Amino acid sequence: MIKNGKQKMNTRHMQSHPVIDFAWRVIVVLVGDLLGAIALNNFLVPAQILSGGVTGIAQILHHYFHFLPIGTLYFVFNIPLFILGYKYLGKKFIALTGIAIVGFSVFTDLLHVHFNIPHDPLLISLYGGVLSGLSSGVVIRIGGSMGGTDILSMVIFRLTGNSIGGTGFVMNALIVLVSMIVFGVSAGMYTLVSMFAASRVVNTLMNYQQRKTALIVSAKAEGIAATIRDRLTRGSTLMQAHGTYTNASLGILMCVMTHWEIAELKVIAAEVDPNSFITVLDTTQVIGRFRHIST
């Protein structure tokens, strides 16, 4: 009983205070805003390369009406989207998104860091896209978004079930088309390169841990589970099954592990049961105690 009490006490100490947790998230969001503003002001705008979503629309209007700052336009366009998101999305998500919108608007209009960059438009589009992707990715990882089409896509998904990526794809396709009309075909192609680089960075940040879910079907599933526990320090879930072809009783192990541990899993399964069957699935997110075996 004392041991259990100590474990609960340690768990409580490991959990951060809600205020501290939210403050940390706000700091990360502002760092993301700063990266996004640098990408926009120092890479994309000077090279006439459009960003995706609402920011790209703001860039187009700023091109024709120079007295309208991009950050201010971005903020104004996000007001109705923020109200829409407040109605349909979670409070913490929309709060962090609101902070991201304000921070990005302020940094974009007031912060201009000048440094030498290469004049190669391909490099500019790649580095601008990477910084934009880092900006969006860190905000998404922390539980918010950069506003714009992200909010619109999520609300449409909640109301209709349509793909979240579909709305953003249509918007960005239109922006690429407008970029070709306004700035020329070359600028539109570099805009596409920048958007692709940004999307790859966001995907990498969301799936950087390369976790895999392995399903092992074997008549000796318990032995495989014990060896996985001893060698890899991983827990697993055992489910009873019945083979329709062999008419035999089997066990199915479900185990989440890193990409690098899959090779060792294959060796373990072959040693314990050469007739075992393994399926490896990509896992985008794991919630819970991944690093330790549950007791």
C-alpha atoms as a PDB file:
ATOM      1  CA  MET A   1       0.000   0.000   0.000  1.00  0.00           C
ATOM      2  CA  ILE A   2       2.844   2.358   0.812  1.00  0.00           C
ATOM      3  CA  LYS A   3       4.473   1.551  -2.515  1.00  0.00           C
ATOM      4  CA  ASN A   4       1.284   2.355  -4.394  1.00  0.00           C
ATOM      5  CA  GLY A   5       0.955   5.599  -2.470  1.00  0.00           C
ATOM      6  CA  LYS A   6       4.495   6.601  -3.424  1.00  0.00           C
ATOM      7  CA  GLN A   7       3.828   5.763  -7.043  1.00  0.00           C
ATOM      8  CA  LYS A   8       0.724   7.978  -7.085  1.00  0.00           C
ATOM      9  CA  MET A   9       2.640  10.795  -5.391  1.00  0.00           C
ATOM     10  CA  ASN A  10       5.447  10.560  -7.962  1.00  0.00           C
ATOM     11  CA  THR A  11       2.911  10.617 -10.764  1.00  0.00           C
ATOM     12  CA  ARG A  12       1.369  13.785  -9.389  1.00  0.00           C
ATOM     13  CA  HIS A  13       4.786  15.444  -9.159  1.00  0.00           C
ATOM     14  CA  MET A  14       5.557  14.511 -12.767  1.00  0.00           C
ATOM     15  CA  GLN A  15       2.404  16.226 -13.976  1.00  0.00           C
ATOM     16  CA  SER A  16       2.966  19.928 -14.565  1.00  0.00           C
ATOM     17  CA  HIS A  17       0.633  22.587 -13.230  1.00  0.00           C
ATOM     18  CA  PRO A  18      -2.033  23.604 -15.799  1.00  0.00           C
ATOM     19  CA  VAL A  19      -0.894  27.245 -15.749  1.00  0.00           C
ATOM     20  CA  ILE A  20       2.751  26.287 -16.276  1.00  0.00           C
ATOM     21  CA  ASP A  21       1.779  23.886 -19.040  1.00  0.00           C
ATOM     22  CA  PHE A  22      -0.258  26.533 -20.855  1.00  0.00           C
ATOM     23  CA  ALA A  23       2.499  29.134 -20.415  1.00  0.00           C
ATOM     24  CA  TRP A  24       5.000  26.718 -21.963  1.00  0.00           C
ATOM     25  CA  ARG A  25       2.656  26.152 -24.898  1.00  0.00           C
ATOM     26  CA  VAL A  26       2.308  29.897 -25.415  1.00  0.00           C
ATOM     27  CA  ILE A  27       6.104  30.280 -25.525  1.00  0.00           C
ATOM     28  CA  VAL A  28       6.382  27.540 -28.153  1.00  0.00           C
ATOM     29  CA  VAL A  29       3.575  29.145 -30.182  1.00  0.00           C
ATOM     30  CA  LEU A  30       5.381  32.501 -30.155  1.00  0.00           C
ATOM     31  CA  VAL A  31       8.604  30.825 -31.293  1.00  0.00           C
ATOM     32  CA  GLY A  32       6.629  29.318 -34.170  1.00  0.00           C
ATOM     33  CA  ASP A  33       5.230  32.770 -34.990  1.00  0.00           C
ATOM     34  CA  LEU A  34       8.747  34.196 -35.063  1.00  0.00           C
ATOM     35  CA  LEU A  35       9.959  31.507 -37.485  1.00  0.00           C
ATOM     36  CA  GLY A  36       6.947  32.116 -39.716  1.00  0.00           C
ATOM     37  CA  ALA A  37       7.523  35.873 -39.784  1.00  0.00           C
ATOM     38  CA  ILE A  38      11.194  35.409 -40.699  1.00  0.00           C
ATOM     39  CA  ALA A  39      10.259  32.995 -43.473  1.00  0.00           C
ATOM     40  CA  LEU A  40       7.723  35.429 -44.872  1.00  0.00           C
ATOM     41  CA  ASN A  41       9.630  38.716 -44.569  1.00  0.00           C
ATOM     42  CA  ASN A  42      13.101  37.480 -45.513  1.00  0.00           C
ATOM     43  CA  PHE A  43      12.456  34.723 -48.015  1.00  0.00           C
ATOM     44  CA  LEU A  44       8.999  34.543 -49.544  1.00  0.00           C
ATOM     45  CA  VAL A  45       7.934  38.190 -49.943  1.00  0.00           C
ATOM     46  CA  PRO A  46      11.215  39.490 -51.444  1.00  0.00           C
ATOM     47  CA  ALA A  47      11.226  36.610 -53.960  1.00  0.00           C
ATOM     48  CA  GLN A  48       7.517  37.060 -54.791  1.00  0.00           C
ATOM     49  CA  ILE A  49       6.768  33.527 -53.601  1.00  0.00           C
ATOM     50  CA  LEU A  50       3.362  33.070 -52.028  1.00  0.00           C
ATOM     51  CA  SER A  51       2.713  31.270 -48.790  1.00  0.00           C
ATOM     52  CA  GLY A  52      -0.274  28.982 -48.443  1.00  0.00           C
ATOM     53  CA  GLY A  53      -3.739  29.784 -47.143  1.00  0.00           C
ATOM     54  CA  VAL A  54      -4.755  33.156 -45.774  1.00  0.00           C
ATOM     55  CA  THR A  55      -1.164  34.420 -45.694  1.00  0.00           C
ATOM     56  CA  GLY A  56      -0.918  33.960 -49.456  1.00  0.00           C
ATOM     57  CA  ILE A  57      -4.104  35.979 -49.977  1.00  0.00           C
ATOM     58  CA  ALA A  58      -2.682  38.726 -47.766  1.00  0.00           C
ATOM     59  CA  GLN A  59       0.505  38.739 -49.853  1.00  0.00           C
ATOM     60  CA  ILE A  60      -1.475  39.195 -53.078  1.00  0.00           C
ATOM     61  CA  LEU A  61      -3.438  42.154 -51.682  1.00  0.00           C
ATOM     62  CA  HIS A  62      -0.252  43.681 -50.274  1.00  0.00           C
ATOM     63  CA  HIS A  63       1.303  43.442 -53.737  1.00  0.00           C
ATOM     64  CA  TYR A  64      -1.424  45.682 -55.173  1.00  0.00           C
ATOM     65  CA  PHE A  65      -1.984  47.837 -52.079  1.00  0.00           C
ATOM     66  CA  HIS A  66       1.400  48.379 -50.425  1.00  0.00           C
ATOM     67  CA  PHE A  67      -0.076  50.514 -47.644  1.00  0.00           C
ATOM     68  CA  LEU A  68      -1.880  47.430 -46.277  1.00  0.00           C
ATOM     69  CA  PRO A  69       0.580  45.410 -44.129  1.00  0.00           C
ATOM     70  CA  ILE A  70       0.538  41.636 -44.604  1.00  0.00           C
ATOM     71  CA  GLY A  71       0.285  40.927 -40.885  1.00  0.00           C
ATOM     72  CA  THR A  72      -2.694  43.230 -40.462  1.00  0.00           C
ATOM     73  CA  LEU A  73      -4.484  41.694 -43.447  1.00  0.00           C
ATOM     74  CA  TYR A  74      -3.744  38.232 -42.067  1.00  0.00           C
ATOM     75  CA  PHE A  75      -5.251  39.222 -38.710  1.00  0.00           C
ATOM     76  CA  VAL A  76      -8.391  40.750 -40.265  1.00  0.00           C
ATOM     77  CA  PHE A  77      -9.038  37.720 -42.482  1.00  0.00           C
ATOM     78  CA  ASN A  78      -8.702  35.407 -39.486  1.00  0.00           C
ATOM     79  CA  ILE A  79     -11.306  37.204 -37.353  1.00  0.00           C
ATOM     80  CA  PRO A  80     -14.383  35.504 -38.904  1.00  0.00           C
ATOM     81  CA  LEU A  81     -12.522  32.185 -39.067  1.00  0.00           C
ATOM     82  CA  PHE A  82     -11.566  32.483 -35.390  1.00  0.00           C
ATOM     83  CA  ILE A  83     -15.192  33.164 -34.429  1.00  0.00           C
ATOM     84  CA  LEU A  84     -16.248  30.134 -36.460  1.00  0.00           C
ATOM     85  CA  GLY A  85     -13.602  27.998 -34.778  1.00  0.00           C
ATOM     86  CA  TYR A  86     -14.599  29.219 -31.321  1.00  0.00           C
ATOM     87  CA  LYS A  87     -18.088  27.914 -31.966  1.00  0.00           C
ATOM     88  CA  TYR A  88     -17.132  24.457 -33.182  1.00  0.00           C
ATOM     89  CA  LEU A  89     -13.614  23.634 -31.899  1.00  0.00           C
ATOM     90  CA  GLY A  90     -12.058  23.045 -28.475  1.00  0.00           C
ATOM     91  CA  LYS A  91     -11.365  25.962 -26.139  1.00  0.00           C
ATOM     92  CA  LYS A  92      -7.662  25.213 -25.551  1.00  0.00           C
ATOM     93  CA  PHE A  93      -7.071  24.685 -29.266  1.00  0.00           C
ATOM     94  CA  ILE A  94      -8.795  27.908 -30.249  1.00  0.00           C
ATOM     95  CA  ALA A  95      -7.042  29.846 -27.449  1.00  0.00           C
ATOM     96  CA  LEU A  96      -3.601  28.762 -28.674  1.00  0.00           C
ATOM     97  CA  THR A  97      -4.679  29.434 -32.247  1.00  0.00           C
ATOM     98  CA  GLY A  98      -5.768  32.960 -31.300  1.00  0.00           C
ATOM     99  CA  ILE A  99      -2.385  33.611 -29.693  1.00  0.00           C
ATOM    100  CA  ALA A 100      -0.667  32.248 -32.815  1.00  0.00           C
ATOM    101  CA  ILE A 101      -2.714  34.542 -35.066  1.00  0.00           C
ATOM    102  CA  VAL A 102      -1.962  37.664 -33.009  1.00  0.00           C
ATOM    103  CA  GLY A 103       1.711  36.788 -32.572  1.00  0.00           C
ATOM    104  CA  PHE A 104       2.272  36.100 -36.259  1.00  0.00           C
ATOM    105  CA  SER A 105       0.492  39.311 -37.247  1.00  0.00           C
ATOM    106  CA  VAL A 106       2.587  41.433 -34.873  1.00  0.00           C
ATOM    107  CA  PHE A 107       5.909  39.779 -35.755  1.00  0.00           C
ATOM    108  CA  THR A 108       5.217  40.031 -39.488  1.00  0.00           C
ATOM    109  CA  ASP A 109       4.454  43.765 -39.391  1.00  0.00           C
ATOM    110  CA  LEU A 110       6.931  44.917 -36.763  1.00  0.00           C
ATOM    111  CA  LEU A 111       9.870  42.510 -36.876  1.00  0.00           C
ATOM    112  CA  HIS A 112      12.187  42.737 -39.876  1.00  0.00           C
ATOM    113  CA  VAL A 113      15.445  40.870 -39.369  1.00  0.00           C
ATOM    114  CA  HIS A 114      17.838  41.598 -42.234  1.00  0.00           C
ATOM    115  CA  PHE A 115      20.538  39.115 -43.188  1.00  0.00           C
ATOM    116  CA  ASN A 116      22.190  38.030 -46.391  1.00  0.00           C
ATOM    117  CA  ILE A 117      20.431  35.258 -48.258  1.00  0.00           C
ATOM    118  CA  PRO A 118      21.286  33.611 -51.582  1.00  0.00           C
ATOM    119  CA  HIS A 119      19.634  35.014 -54.691  1.00  0.00           C
ATOM    120  CA  ASP A 120      18.844  31.575 -56.041  1.00  0.00           C
ATOM    121  CA  PRO A 121      15.000  31.404 -56.157  1.00  0.00           C
ATOM    122  CA  LEU A 122      15.035  27.637 -55.717  1.00  0.00           C
ATOM    123  CA  LEU A 123      17.035  27.888 -52.482  1.00  0.00           C
ATOM    124  CA  ILE A 124      14.837  30.740 -51.305  1.00  0.00           C
ATOM    125  CA  SER A 125      11.664  28.742 -51.933  1.00  0.00           C
ATOM    126  CA  LEU A 126      13.093  25.681 -50.174  1.00  0.00           C
ATOM    127  CA  TYR A 127      14.374  27.514 -47.101  1.00  0.00           C
ATOM    128  CA  GLY A 128      11.280  29.674 -46.926  1.00  0.00           C
ATOM    129  CA  GLY A 129       9.125  26.564 -47.117  1.00  0.00           C
ATOM    130  CA  VAL A 130      11.163  24.771 -44.463  1.00  0.00           C
ATOM    131  CA  LEU A 131      10.896  27.697 -42.040  1.00  0.00           C
ATOM    132  CA  SER A 132       7.162  28.008 -42.746  1.00  0.00           C
ATOM    133  CA  GLY A 133       6.760  24.293 -42.117  1.00  0.00           C
ATOM    134  CA  LEU A 134       8.656  24.551 -38.837  1.00  0.00           C
ATOM    135  CA  SER A 135       6.426  27.451 -37.846  1.00  0.00           C
ATOM    136  CA  SER A 136       3.194  25.554 -38.501  1.00  0.00           C
ATOM    137  CA  GLY A 137       4.549  22.226 -37.265  1.00  0.00           C
ATOM    138  CA  VAL A 138       5.625  23.347 -33.794  1.00  0.00           C
ATOM    139  CA  VAL A 139       2.293  25.127 -33.249  1.00  0.00           C
ATOM    140  CA  ILE A 140       0.348  22.042 -34.331  1.00  0.00           C
ATOM    141  CA  ARG A 141       2.510  19.784 -32.131  1.00  0.00           C
ATOM    142  CA  ILE A 142       1.721  21.965 -29.114  1.00  0.00           C
ATOM    143  CA  GLY A 143      -2.038  21.770 -29.685  1.00  0.00           C
ATOM    144  CA  GLY A 144      -2.922  24.843 -31.759  1.00  0.00           C
ATOM    145  CA  SER A 145      -2.758  26.038 -35.357  1.00  0.00           C
ATOM    146  CA  MET A 146      -1.716  29.056 -37.383  1.00  0.00           C
ATOM    147  CA  GLY A 147      -5.353  29.854 -38.156  1.00  0.00           C
ATOM    148  CA  GLY A 148      -6.623  30.504 -41.663  1.00  0.00           C
ATOM    149  CA  THR A 149      -7.568  27.459 -43.699  1.00  0.00           C
ATOM    150  CA  ASP A 150      -6.567  25.187 -40.797  1.00  0.00           C
ATOM    151  CA  ILE A 151      -9.598  26.405 -38.846  1.00  0.00           C
ATOM    152  CA  LEU A 152     -11.860  26.322 -41.890  1.00  0.00           C
ATOM    153  CA  SER A 153     -10.789  22.786 -42.794  1.00  0.00           C
ATOM    154  CA  MET A 154     -11.403  21.488 -39.265  1.00  0.00           C
ATOM    155  CA  VAL A 155     -14.840  23.125 -39.020  1.00  0.00           C
ATOM    156  CA  ILE A 156     -15.864  21.710 -42.409  1.00  0.00           C
ATOM    157  CA  PHE A 157     -14.672  18.287 -41.231  1.00  0.00           C
ATOM    158  CA  ARG A 158     -16.756  18.577 -38.053  1.00  0.00           C
ATOM    159  CA  LEU A 159     -19.869  19.607 -39.974  1.00  0.00           C
ATOM    160  CA  THR A 160     -19.636  17.475 -43.120  1.00  0.00           C
ATOM    161  CA  GLY A 161     -16.979  14.824 -42.517  1.00  0.00           C
ATOM    162  CA  ASN A 162     -15.057  15.946 -45.609  1.00  0.00           C
ATOM    163  CA  SER A 163     -11.284  15.504 -45.618  1.00  0.00           C
ATOM    164  CA  ILE A 164      -9.321  18.128 -43.688  1.00  0.00           C
ATOM    165  CA  GLY A 165      -6.585  18.062 -46.303  1.00  0.00           C
ATOM    166  CA  GLY A 166      -9.049  18.531 -49.156  1.00  0.00           C
ATOM    167  CA  THR A 167      -9.996  22.102 -48.236  1.00  0.00           C
ATOM    168  CA  GLY A 168      -6.395  23.163 -47.794  1.00  0.00           C
ATOM    169  CA  PHE A 169      -5.415  21.529 -51.086  1.00  0.00           C
ATOM    170  CA  VAL A 170      -8.090  23.417 -53.036  1.00  0.00           C
ATOM    171  CA  MET A 171      -7.102  26.721 -51.410  1.00  0.00           C
ATOM    172  CA  ASN A 172      -3.395  26.232 -52.073  1.00  0.00           C
ATOM    173  CA  ALA A 173      -4.039  25.130 -55.660  1.00  0.00           C
ATOM    174  CA  LEU A 174      -5.909  28.392 -56.264  1.00  0.00           C
ATOM    175  CA  ILE A 175      -3.057  30.355 -54.679  1.00  0.00           C
ATOM    176  CA  VAL A 176      -0.511  28.683 -56.964  1.00  0.00           C
ATOM    177  CA  LEU A 177      -2.697  29.538 -59.960  1.00  0.00           C
ATOM    178  CA  VAL A 178      -3.059  33.176 -58.862  1.00  0.00           C
ATOM    179  CA  SER A 179       0.693  33.352 -58.235  1.00  0.00           C
ATOM    180  CA  MET A 180       1.324  32.323 -61.845  1.00  0.00           C
ATOM    181  CA  ILE A 181      -1.094  34.997 -63.067  1.00  0.00           C
ATOM    182  CA  VAL A 182       0.226  37.814 -60.856  1.00  0.00           C
ATOM    183  CA  PHE A 183       3.963  37.093 -60.656  1.00  0.00           C
ATOM    184  CA  GLY A 184       4.527  34.785 -63.625  1.00  0.00           C
ATOM    185  CA  VAL A 185       4.741  31.053 -64.228  1.00  0.00           C
ATOM    186  CA  SER A 186       8.188  30.724 -62.645  1.00  0.00           C
ATOM    187  CA  ALA A 187       7.016  32.352 -59.392  1.00  0.00           C
ATOM    188  CA  GLY A 188       4.031  30.009 -59.309  1.00  0.00           C
ATOM    189  CA  MET A 189       6.293  26.985 -59.721  1.00  0.00           C
ATOM    190  CA  TYR A 190       8.573  28.184 -56.916  1.00  0.00           C
ATOM    191  CA  THR A 191       5.464  28.762 -54.793  1.00  0.00           C
ATOM    192  CA  LEU A 192       4.561  25.119 -55.348  1.00  0.00           C
ATOM    193  CA  VAL A 193       8.086  24.053 -54.311  1.00  0.00           C
ATOM    194  CA  SER A 194       7.835  26.140 -51.143  1.00  0.00           C
ATOM    195  CA  MET A 195       4.435  24.688 -50.247  1.00  0.00           C
ATOM    196  CA  PHE A 196       5.708  21.159 -50.802  1.00  0.00           C
ATOM    197  CA  ALA A 197       8.740  21.773 -48.569  1.00  0.00           C
ATOM    198  CA  ALA A 198       6.505  23.224 -45.847  1.00  0.00           C
ATOM    199  CA  SER A 199       4.120  20.254 -45.968  1.00  0.00           C
ATOM    200  CA  ARG A 200       6.984  17.759 -45.733  1.00  0.00           C
ATOM    201  CA  VAL A 201       8.413  19.514 -42.675  1.00  0.00           C
ATOM    202  CA  VAL A 202       5.001  19.549 -40.977  1.00  0.00           C
ATOM    203  CA  ASN A 203       4.523  15.831 -41.686  1.00  0.00           C
ATOM    204  CA  THR A 204       8.000  15.076 -40.358  1.00  0.00           C
ATOM    205  CA  LEU A 205       7.358  16.981 -37.136  1.00  0.00           C
ATOM    206  CA  MET A 206       4.064  15.173 -36.636  1.00  0.00           C
ATOM    207  CA  ASN A 207       5.619  11.723 -37.199  1.00  0.00           C
ATOM    208  CA  TYR A 208       9.234  12.257 -36.208  1.00  0.00           C
ATOM    209  CA  GLN A 209       9.364   9.376 -33.733  1.00  0.00           C
ATOM    210  CA  GLN A 210       8.711   6.751 -36.435  1.00  0.00           C
ATOM    211  CA  ARG A 211       6.662   4.479 -34.201  1.00  0.00           C
ATOM    212  CA  LYS A 212       5.316   1.244 -35.555  1.00  0.00           C
ATOM    213  CA  THR A 213       2.586  -1.126 -34.422  1.00  0.00           C
ATOM    214  CA  ALA A 214       3.470  -4.779 -34.896  1.00  0.00           C
ATOM    215  CA  LEU A 215       0.842  -7.514 -35.003  1.00  0.00           C
ATOM    216  CA  ILE A 216       2.399 -10.947 -34.423  1.00  0.00           C
ATOM    217  CA  VAL A 217       0.281 -14.036 -35.070  1.00  0.00           C
ATOM    218  CA  SER A 218       1.741 -17.155 -33.501  1.00  0.00           C
ATOM    219  CA  ALA A 219       0.905 -20.346 -31.648  1.00  0.00           C
ATOM    220  CA  LYS A 220       3.688 -19.370 -29.235  1.00  0.00           C
ATOM    221  CA  ALA A 221       2.581 -15.788 -28.704  1.00  0.00           C
ATOM    222  CA  GLU A 222       3.189 -15.847 -24.953  1.00  0.00           C
ATOM    223  CA  GLY A 223       6.810 -16.894 -25.456  1.00  0.00           C
ATOM    224  CA  ILE A 224       7.346 -14.120 -28.006  1.00  0.00           C
ATOM    225  CA  ALA A 225       5.761 -11.607 -25.609  1.00  0.00           C
ATOM    226  CA  ALA A 226       8.113 -12.669 -22.806  1.00  0.00           C
ATOM    227  CA  THR A 227      11.171 -12.335 -25.052  1.00  0.00           C
ATOM    228  CA  ILE A 228      10.032  -8.908 -26.285  1.00  0.00           C
ATOM    229  CA  ARG A 229       9.662  -7.829 -22.664  1.00  0.00           C
ATOM    230  CA  ASP A 230      13.134  -9.088 -21.720  1.00  0.00           C
ATOM    231  CA  ARG A 231      15.094  -7.870 -24.744  1.00  0.00           C
ATOM    232  CA  LEU A 232      13.257  -4.739 -25.868  1.00  0.00           C
ATOM    233  CA  THR A 233      11.636  -3.699 -22.582  1.00  0.00           C
ATOM    234  CA  ARG A 234       8.303  -3.409 -24.355  1.00  0.00           C
ATOM    235  CA  GLY A 235       4.899  -4.479 -23.166  1.00  0.00           C
ATOM    236  CA  SER A 236       2.408  -6.073 -25.531  1.00  0.00           C
ATOM    237  CA  THR A 237      -1.251  -7.000 -25.659  1.00  0.00           C
ATOM    238  CA  LEU A 238      -2.220 -10.639 -26.230  1.00  0.00           C
ATOM    239  CA  MET A 239      -5.474 -11.512 -27.982  1.00  0.00           C
ATOM    240  CA  GLN A 240      -6.773 -15.003 -28.568  1.00  0.00           C
ATOM    241  CA  ALA A 241      -7.637 -15.956 -32.146  1.00  0.00           C
ATOM    242  CA  HIS A 242      -8.561 -18.929 -34.288  1.00  0.00           C
ATOM    243  CA  GLY A 243      -6.919 -19.677 -37.625  1.00  0.00           C
ATOM    244  CA  THR A 244      -9.544 -20.320 -40.337  1.00  0.00           C
ATOM    245  CA  TYR A 245      -7.062 -22.084 -42.623  1.00  0.00           C
ATOM    246  CA  THR A 246      -5.186 -24.217 -40.061  1.00  0.00           C
ATOM    247  CA  ASN A 247      -8.158 -24.543 -37.687  1.00  0.00           C
ATOM    248  CA  ALA A 248      -5.702 -23.964 -34.822  1.00  0.00           C
ATOM    249  CA  SER A 249      -5.800 -21.773 -31.741  1.00  0.00           C
ATOM    250  CA  LEU A 250      -3.432 -18.831 -32.094  1.00  0.00           C
ATOM    251  CA  GLY A 251      -2.418 -15.715 -30.235  1.00  0.00           C
ATOM    252  CA  ILE A 252      -2.150 -12.210 -31.666  1.00  0.00           C
ATOM    253  CA  LEU A 253       0.332  -9.854 -30.037  1.00  0.00           C
ATOM    254  CA  MET A 254      -0.013  -6.108 -30.515  1.00  0.00           C
ATOM    255  CA  CYS A 255       3.133  -4.185 -29.668  1.00  0.00           C
ATOM    256  CA  VAL A 256       4.094  -0.544 -30.334  1.00  0.00           C
ATOM    257  CA  MET A 257       7.801   0.101 -30.830  1.00  0.00           C
ATOM    258  CA  THR A 258      10.235   2.345 -32.631  1.00  0.00           C
ATOM    259  CA  HIS A 259      11.266   1.882 -36.234  1.00  0.00           C
ATOM    260  CA  TRP A 260      14.693   0.593 -35.205  1.00  0.00           C
ATOM    261  CA  GLU A 261      13.275  -2.124 -32.939  1.00  0.00           C
ATOM    262  CA  ILE A 262      11.388  -3.847 -35.754  1.00  0.00           C
ATOM    263  CA  ALA A 263      14.538  -5.637 -36.954  1.00  0.00           C
ATOM    264  CA  GLU A 264      15.112  -7.123 -33.489  1.00  0.00           C
ATOM    265  CA  LEU A 265      11.439  -8.113 -33.312  1.00  0.00           C
ATOM    266  CA  LYS A 266      11.843 -10.170 -36.500  1.00  0.00           C
ATOM    267  CA  VAL A 267      14.811 -12.009 -34.941  1.00  0.00           C
ATOM    268  CA  ILE A 268      12.857 -12.686 -31.745  1.00  0.00           C
ATOM    269  CA  ALA A 269       9.821 -14.019 -33.600  1.00  0.00           C
ATOM    270  CA  ALA A 270      11.983 -16.273 -35.797  1.00  0.00           C
ATOM    271  CA  GLU A 271      13.786 -17.695 -32.765  1.00  0.00           C
ATOM    272  CA  VAL A 272      10.676 -18.460 -30.728  1.00  0.00           C
ATOM    273  CA  ASP A 273       8.356 -19.475 -33.557  1.00  0.00           C
ATOM    274  CA  PRO A 274       9.699 -19.708 -37.141  1.00  0.00           C
ATOM    275  CA  ASN A 275       6.090 -20.065 -38.334  1.00  0.00           C
ATOM    276  CA  SER A 276       4.968 -16.761 -36.850  1.00  0.00           C
ATOM    277  CA  PHE A 277       3.330 -14.106 -39.030  1.00  0.00           C
ATOM    278  CA  ILE A 278       4.121 -10.401 -38.557  1.00  0.00           C
ATOM    279  CA  THR A 279       2.358  -7.335 -39.904  1.00  0.00           C
ATOM    280  CA  VAL A 280       3.909  -3.891 -39.292  1.00  0.00           C
ATOM    281  CA  LEU A 281       1.681  -0.801 -39.409  1.00  0.00           C
ATOM    282  CA  ASP A 282       2.624   2.873 -39.415  1.00  0.00           C
ATOM    283  CA  THR A 283       1.563   4.607 -36.185  1.00  0.00           C
ATOM    284  CA  THR A 284       1.148   8.373 -36.245  1.00  0.00           C
ATOM    285  CA  GLN A 285       0.411   8.913 -32.558  1.00  0.00           C
ATOM    286  CA  VAL A 286       0.643   7.010 -29.274  1.00  0.00           C
ATOM    287  CA  ILE A 287      -1.121   8.261 -26.153  1.00  0.00           C
ATOM    288  CA  GLY A 288      -0.048   6.727 -22.868  1.00  0.00           C
ATOM    289  CA  ARG A 289       3.052   5.189 -21.315  1.00  0.00           C
ATOM    290  CA  PHE A 290       4.991   4.238 -24.419  1.00  0.00           C
ATOM    291  CA  ARG A 291       8.454   4.122 -22.837  1.00  0.00           C
ATOM    292  CA  HIS A 292       7.679   1.763 -19.975  1.00  0.00           C
ATOM    293  CA  ILE A 293       5.905  -1.505 -19.435  1.00  0.00           C
ATOM    294  CA  SER A 294       2.606  -1.057 -17.643  1.00  0.00           C
ATOM    295  CA  THR A 295       2.505  -2.697 -14.215  1.00  0.00           C
END
